[in-house]
Amino acid sequence: MKFSVFQISRRGGREKNEDRMGYCYTRQACLFVLADGMGGHPQGEVAAQIAIQGVSSLFQAQARPALASVEDFLPAALQAAHEQILRYSAQHALLDAPRTTLVIAVVQDGCARWVHCGDSRLYLVRGGEVLQRTRDHSYLELRNAAIPGIEHVNRNVLFTCLGSPAKPLFDISAPVPLQQGDRLLLCSDGLWSALDEATIARQLSHLPVSQAVPELVEDALRRAGAASDNVTAVAMEWETPDAFQSTQGISTEDFGVEHFASTIQHEPLDGWADDLDDAAIERSIAEINAAIRRSAKK
């Protein structure tokens, strides 16, 4: 694989930054993940950190060097992150669990596939236009749905997230074959709420991601002003081997089978194990393998 990538997070006008993001890659697979800890609940930054650490741990355990099934990995990783947040809450006897959004993307075999819960978004940009984007799990996105009483609901409120008592709802994409120059952008609502879709697509397409991403983040901060939310983004540009010229690029051609690289720092969280525990990893792996066996029988 050969690709360029850039990530950045800014606090904006908030007291603290509750967003977390990062990426990991092996010789044959690459993971991008972003979480936005939710205000109105305690320790949103902890929920976001647990989520990205849990997903990256499962990816490292499974991508050797490729995932057996991206389709099965994505929902299993999301559910494992949710369970880890609940476990943290129980260990600390919290009356209200920390909560977070989550968006995960995997690139493997020249295809991108993603899963998301909440209103952190993924954009797939091709040829200066948004080819696909995730749909927020908010009442705002349901404005055209025939749901009685929805007109009386705060439409910016999310109806699902990680860390809530209910099992998280999520959407998973179909695999999308990538073309040279395609861009994947994962971002928190601090970015997309300040910038329209055309602006995001235009800036992301006309500049290398190492320039486009920080400019988008700074533009969002300027437009939102003093009331700006945290603004976080990680973006990847897909490049074919014969066109790979960027000094910001990453090539995995010389990687060994066991080689694993990550920008996700596993931070200690107030006595909580800073990684997915062995039992949680084994449960998730068993679930993935069972799903693969079921698919093989169809």
Protein backbone atom coordinates (compact mmCIF):
# COMPACT_ATOMS: atom_id res chain seq x y z
CA MET A 1 0.00 0.00 0.00
CA LYS A 2 1.05 3.58 -0.65
CA PHE A 3 -0.82 6.55 0.75
CA SER A 4 -0.43 10.00 2.29
CA VAL A 5 -1.99 10.86 5.64
CA PHE A 6 -2.30 13.80 8.00
CA GLN A 7 -4.08 14.32 11.32
CA ILE A 8 -4.68 17.30 13.59
CA SER A 9 -6.85 18.22 16.60
CA ARG A 10 -7.56 21.67 18.06
CA ARG A 11 -9.36 22.54 21.29
CA GLY A 12 -11.32 25.50 19.93
CA GLY A 13 -13.31 27.49 22.48
CA ARG A 14 -13.83 24.59 24.87
CA GLU A 15 -12.16 24.08 28.25
CA LYS A 16 -10.66 20.78 27.12
CA ASN A 17 -10.34 18.69 24.00
CA GLU A 18 -12.53 15.58 24.15
CA ASP A 19 -11.74 14.44 20.59
CA ARG A 20 -9.34 11.60 19.83
CA MET A 21 -8.09 10.21 16.51
CA GLY A 22 -5.33 8.18 14.95
CA TYR A 23 -4.34 5.56 12.42
CA CYS A 24 -2.56 2.19 12.34
CA TYR A 25 -1.25 0.10 9.49
CA THR A 26 0.34 -3.20 8.61
CA ARG A 27 1.74 -4.38 5.30
CA GLN A 28 -1.72 -5.02 3.85
CA ALA A 29 -4.27 -3.08 5.92
CA CYS A 30 -4.75 0.40 7.30
CA LEU A 31 -7.10 1.59 10.05
CA PHE A 32 -8.34 5.15 10.62
CA VAL A 33 -10.39 5.97 13.71
CA LEU A 34 -11.89 9.12 15.24
CA ALA A 35 -13.99 9.60 18.39
CA ASP A 36 -15.67 12.70 19.83
CA GLY A 37 -16.35 12.50 23.57
CA MET A 38 -19.82 13.83 24.30
CA GLY A 39 -20.45 16.84 26.47
CA GLY A 40 -23.22 16.64 29.04
CA HIS A 41 -21.78 13.39 30.34
CA PRO A 42 -18.67 12.90 32.52
CA GLN A 43 -15.22 12.19 31.10
CA GLY A 44 -16.04 12.37 27.41
CA GLU A 45 -12.33 12.41 26.62
CA VAL A 46 -11.94 9.11 28.51
CA ALA A 47 -14.69 7.46 26.45
CA ALA A 48 -13.05 8.67 23.24
CA GLN A 49 -9.63 7.44 24.35
CA ILE A 50 -10.97 4.03 25.38
CA ALA A 51 -12.72 3.73 22.02
CA ILE A 52 -9.69 4.40 19.83
CA GLN A 53 -7.41 2.29 22.03
CA GLY A 54 -9.81 -0.63 21.97
CA VAL A 55 -10.24 -0.49 18.20
CA SER A 56 -6.51 -0.25 17.55
CA SER A 57 -5.79 -3.15 19.91
CA LEU A 58 -8.26 -5.39 18.12
CA PHE A 59 -6.85 -4.32 14.75
CA GLN A 60 -3.33 -5.18 15.86
CA ALA A 61 -4.51 -8.59 17.08
CA GLN A 62 -6.38 -9.39 13.84
CA ALA A 63 -4.47 -7.73 11.00
CA ARG A 64 -1.61 -10.20 10.49
CA PRO A 65 -0.99 -8.62 8.11
CA ALA A 66 -4.57 -8.43 6.73
CA LEU A 67 -7.96 -8.78 8.37
CA ALA A 68 -9.74 -12.04 7.56
CA SER A 69 -12.99 -10.08 7.08
CA VAL A 70 -13.28 -6.30 7.16
CA GLU A 71 -17.06 -6.63 7.15
CA ASP A 72 -16.97 -8.61 10.39
CA PHE A 73 -14.16 -6.65 12.03
CA LEU A 74 -15.83 -3.24 11.87
CA PRO A 75 -19.00 -3.91 13.93
CA ALA A 76 -17.08 -6.19 16.31
CA ALA A 77 -14.52 -3.45 16.96
CA LEU A 78 -17.24 -0.87 17.56
CA GLN A 79 -19.10 -3.16 19.96
CA ALA A 80 -15.87 -4.05 21.80
CA ALA A 81 -15.13 -0.35 22.31
CA HIS A 82 -18.65 0.19 23.68
CA GLU A 83 -18.24 -2.68 26.14
CA GLN A 84 -14.88 -1.34 27.31
CA ILE A 85 -16.47 2.04 28.12
CA LEU A 86 -19.20 0.31 30.12
CA ARG A 87 -16.58 -1.73 31.96
CA TYR A 88 -14.68 1.44 32.85
CA SER A 89 -17.90 3.01 34.13
CA ALA A 90 -18.70 -0.02 36.26
CA GLN A 91 -15.18 -0.19 37.71
CA HIS A 92 -15.43 3.44 38.78
CA ALA A 93 -19.06 3.22 39.96
CA LEU A 94 -20.10 6.10 37.73
CA LEU A 95 -23.78 7.00 37.84
CA ASP A 96 -23.57 8.26 34.26
CA ALA A 97 -21.17 6.50 31.88
CA PRO A 98 -18.81 8.47 29.62
CA ARG A 99 -20.05 8.57 26.04
CA THR A 100 -18.57 9.13 22.62
CA THR A 101 -19.21 9.01 18.91
CA LEU A 102 -17.01 6.76 16.78
CA VAL A 103 -16.13 6.39 13.11
CA ILE A 104 -13.79 3.63 11.90
CA ALA A 105 -12.44 3.09 8.38
CA VAL A 106 -10.33 0.22 7.06
CA VAL A 107 -8.46 0.20 3.76
CA GLN A 108 -7.48 -3.26 2.53
CA ASP A 109 -7.12 -4.90 -0.89
CA GLY A 110 -7.52 -1.51 -2.53
CA CYS A 111 -10.97 -0.96 -1.01
CA ALA A 112 -12.26 1.26 1.77
CA ARG A 113 -15.02 0.29 4.17
CA TRP A 114 -16.28 2.05 7.29
CA VAL A 115 -18.66 1.94 10.24
CA HIS A 116 -19.92 4.81 12.38
CA CYS A 117 -22.05 5.59 15.42
CA GLY A 118 -23.08 9.17 16.19
CA ASP A 119 -22.28 12.33 14.25
CA SER A 120 -18.55 12.14 13.64
CA ARG A 121 -18.33 11.88 9.88
CA LEU A 122 -16.43 10.22 7.06
CA TYR A 123 -16.23 11.83 3.63
CA LEU A 124 -15.00 10.05 0.50
CA VAL A 125 -13.94 12.70 -2.00
CA ARG A 126 -13.18 11.97 -5.65
CA GLY A 127 -12.58 14.42 -8.46
CA GLY A 128 -13.46 17.45 -6.35
CA GLU A 129 -16.82 16.09 -5.22
CA VAL A 130 -18.12 14.17 -2.23
CA LEU A 131 -18.72 10.66 -3.52
CA GLN A 132 -20.07 9.36 -0.19
CA ARG A 133 -20.45 10.56 3.38
CA THR A 134 -21.84 9.06 6.55
CA ARG A 135 -25.29 10.12 7.76
CA ASP A 136 -25.44 11.39 11.32
CA HIS A 137 -27.37 9.48 13.94
CA SER A 138 -29.20 12.62 14.98
CA TYR A 139 -32.80 13.80 14.82
CA LEU A 140 -31.66 16.47 12.38
CA GLU A 141 -30.94 13.75 9.81
CA LEU A 142 -34.41 12.32 10.42
CA ARG A 143 -36.14 15.61 9.58
CA ASN A 144 -37.81 14.08 6.53
CA ALA A 145 -38.80 10.86 8.28
CA ALA A 146 -42.49 10.30 9.04
CA ILE A 147 -42.02 9.95 12.80
CA PRO A 148 -44.83 11.37 14.94
CA GLY A 149 -43.65 13.98 17.42
CA ILE A 150 -40.18 14.44 15.91
CA GLU A 151 -40.92 18.12 15.32
CA HIS A 152 -40.84 18.60 19.10
CA VAL A 153 -37.39 17.00 19.56
CA ASN A 154 -34.10 18.89 19.60
CA ARG A 155 -32.89 17.73 16.23
CA ASN A 156 -29.19 18.13 17.09
CA VAL A 157 -29.51 15.45 19.79
CA LEU A 158 -27.98 12.07 18.94
CA PHE A 159 -30.17 9.01 19.28
CA THR A 160 -27.23 6.61 19.68
CA CYS A 161 -23.62 6.63 20.87
CA LEU A 162 -21.05 4.45 22.59
CA GLY A 163 -21.30 4.25 26.39
CA SER A 164 -25.07 4.58 26.67
CA PRO A 165 -27.10 1.84 28.42
CA ALA A 166 -28.65 0.83 25.10
CA LYS A 167 -26.75 -1.20 22.53
CA PRO A 168 -25.25 1.27 20.03
CA LEU A 169 -26.78 1.55 16.60
CA PHE A 170 -24.39 1.81 13.68
CA ASP A 171 -24.19 1.95 9.91
CA ILE A 172 -21.62 0.02 7.89
CA SER A 173 -20.74 0.82 4.30
CA ALA A 174 -20.27 -1.44 1.35
CA PRO A 175 -16.66 -1.80 0.16
CA VAL A 176 -15.59 1.00 -2.18
CA PRO A 177 -12.70 0.34 -4.61
CA LEU A 178 -10.30 3.27 -4.33
CA GLN A 179 -8.94 5.20 -7.28
CA GLN A 180 -5.71 7.14 -7.44
CA GLY A 181 -6.17 10.50 -5.73
CA ASP A 182 -9.23 9.51 -3.69
CA ARG A 183 -9.38 11.18 -0.26
CA LEU A 184 -10.90 9.80 2.92
CA LEU A 185 -11.62 12.36 5.64
CA LEU A 186 -12.73 11.46 9.18
CA CYS A 187 -13.74 14.50 11.23
CA SER A 188 -15.61 15.62 14.34
CA ASP A 189 -18.68 17.85 14.17
CA GLY A 190 -16.52 20.85 15.06
CA LEU A 191 -15.29 20.77 11.47
CA TRP A 192 -18.31 19.80 9.40
CA SER A 193 -20.74 22.03 11.32
CA ALA A 194 -18.68 25.10 10.38
CA LEU A 195 -17.92 24.21 6.75
CA ASP A 196 -20.28 23.25 3.93
CA GLU A 197 -19.76 20.09 1.92
CA ALA A 198 -18.57 21.91 -1.20
CA THR A 199 -15.85 23.73 0.74
CA ILE A 200 -14.62 20.50 2.31
CA ALA A 201 -14.51 18.71 -1.05
CA ARG A 202 -12.82 21.59 -2.86
CA GLN A 203 -10.05 22.16 -0.34
CA LEU A 204 -9.44 18.48 0.21
CA SER A 205 -9.15 17.81 -3.54
CA HIS A 206 -6.91 20.66 -4.63
CA LEU A 207 -4.16 20.33 -2.04
CA PRO A 208 -2.10 17.51 -0.54
CA VAL A 209 -3.70 16.28 2.67
CA SER A 210 -0.76 17.67 4.66
CA GLN A 211 -1.88 21.16 3.58
CA ALA A 212 -5.62 20.66 3.11
CA VAL A 213 -6.37 19.21 6.56
CA PRO A 214 -4.78 21.96 8.71
CA GLU A 215 -6.31 24.62 6.45
CA LEU A 216 -9.77 23.08 6.84
CA VAL A 217 -9.35 22.95 10.62
CA GLU A 218 -8.18 26.57 10.83
CA ASP A 219 -11.02 27.66 8.54
CA ALA A 220 -13.56 25.91 10.78
CA LEU A 221 -12.11 27.57 13.89
CA ARG A 222 -12.25 31.01 12.29
CA ARG A 223 -15.84 30.61 11.12
CA ALA A 224 -17.08 29.29 14.46
CA GLY A 225 -15.28 31.97 16.44
CA ALA A 226 -15.02 31.93 20.22
CA ALA A 227 -17.81 29.35 20.50
CA SER A 228 -15.94 26.80 18.37
CA ASP A 229 -16.18 23.16 19.36
CA ASN A 230 -13.12 20.91 19.32
CA VAL A 231 -12.05 20.46 15.68
CA THR A 232 -10.38 17.19 14.76
CA ALA A 233 -9.60 15.52 11.44
CA VAL A 234 -7.55 12.72 9.94
CA ALA A 235 -7.36 12.31 6.17
CA MET A 236 -5.77 9.88 3.74
CA GLU A 237 -4.95 10.25 0.04
CA TRP A 238 -4.76 6.99 -1.90
CA GLU A 239 -1.98 6.77 -4.45
CA THR A 240 -1.00 4.06 -6.89
CA PRO A 241 2.60 2.83 -6.63
CA ASP A 242 3.83 4.33 -9.92
CA ALA A 243 2.40 7.75 -9.00
CA PHE A 244 3.72 7.86 -5.45
CA GLN A 245 5.85 10.99 -5.26
CA SER A 246 4.81 12.65 -1.99
CA THR A 247 7.44 13.16 0.70
CA GLN A 248 4.57 12.85 3.20
CA GLY A 249 3.69 9.42 1.90
CA ILE A 250 3.77 6.03 3.57
CA SER A 251 4.77 2.85 1.77
CA THR A 252 4.32 -0.60 3.28
CA GLU A 253 6.08 -2.51 0.51
CA ASP A 254 9.08 -3.36 2.69
CA PHE A 255 7.05 -4.24 5.80
CA GLY A 256 7.35 -7.69 7.34
CA VAL A 257 4.31 -9.80 8.12
CA GLU A 258 4.41 -8.83 11.81
CA HIS A 259 5.16 -5.13 11.25
CA PHE A 260 2.65 -2.78 12.91
CA ALA A 261 2.76 1.02 13.09
CA SER A 262 0.40 3.33 14.95
CA THR A 263 -0.08 6.96 15.93
CA ILE A 264 -2.54 5.99 18.68
CA GLN A 265 -0.97 6.46 22.09
CA HIS A 266 -2.24 4.10 24.78
CA GLU A 267 -2.67 6.44 27.71
CA PRO A 268 -3.20 5.24 31.30
CA LEU A 269 -6.73 6.12 32.42
CA ASP A 270 -7.01 6.44 36.19
CA GLY A 271 -6.16 2.89 37.09
CA TRP A 272 -7.98 1.33 34.15
CA ALA A 273 -5.99 -1.03 31.96
CA ASP A 274 -4.96 1.09 28.99
CA ASP A 275 -5.62 -1.66 26.47
CA LEU A 276 -8.28 -4.17 25.58
CA ASP A 277 -7.84 -6.97 28.11
CA ASP A 278 -7.04 -10.47 26.83
CA ALA A 279 -10.53 -11.78 27.56
CA ALA A 280 -12.18 -8.95 25.60
CA ILE A 281 -9.84 -9.51 22.65
CA GLU A 282 -10.53 -13.24 22.66
CA ARG A 283 -14.31 -12.66 22.80
CA SER A 284 -14.16 -10.26 19.87
CA ILE A 285 -11.93 -12.60 17.84
CA ALA A 286 -14.33 -15.48 18.53
CA GLU A 287 -17.27 -13.35 17.36
CA ILE A 288 -15.43 -12.39 14.17
CA ASN A 289 -14.46 -16.02 13.43
CA ALA A 290 -18.02 -17.18 14.03
CA ALA A 291 -19.33 -14.54 11.64
CA ILE A 292 -16.80 -15.63 9.00
CA ARG A 293 -17.90 -19.25 9.35
CA ARG A 294 -21.56 -18.26 9.01
CA SER A 295 -20.77 -16.24 5.86
CA ALA A 296 -18.85 -19.16 4.36
CA LYS A 297 -21.89 -21.43 4.70
CA LYS A 298 -24.19 -19.09 2.76
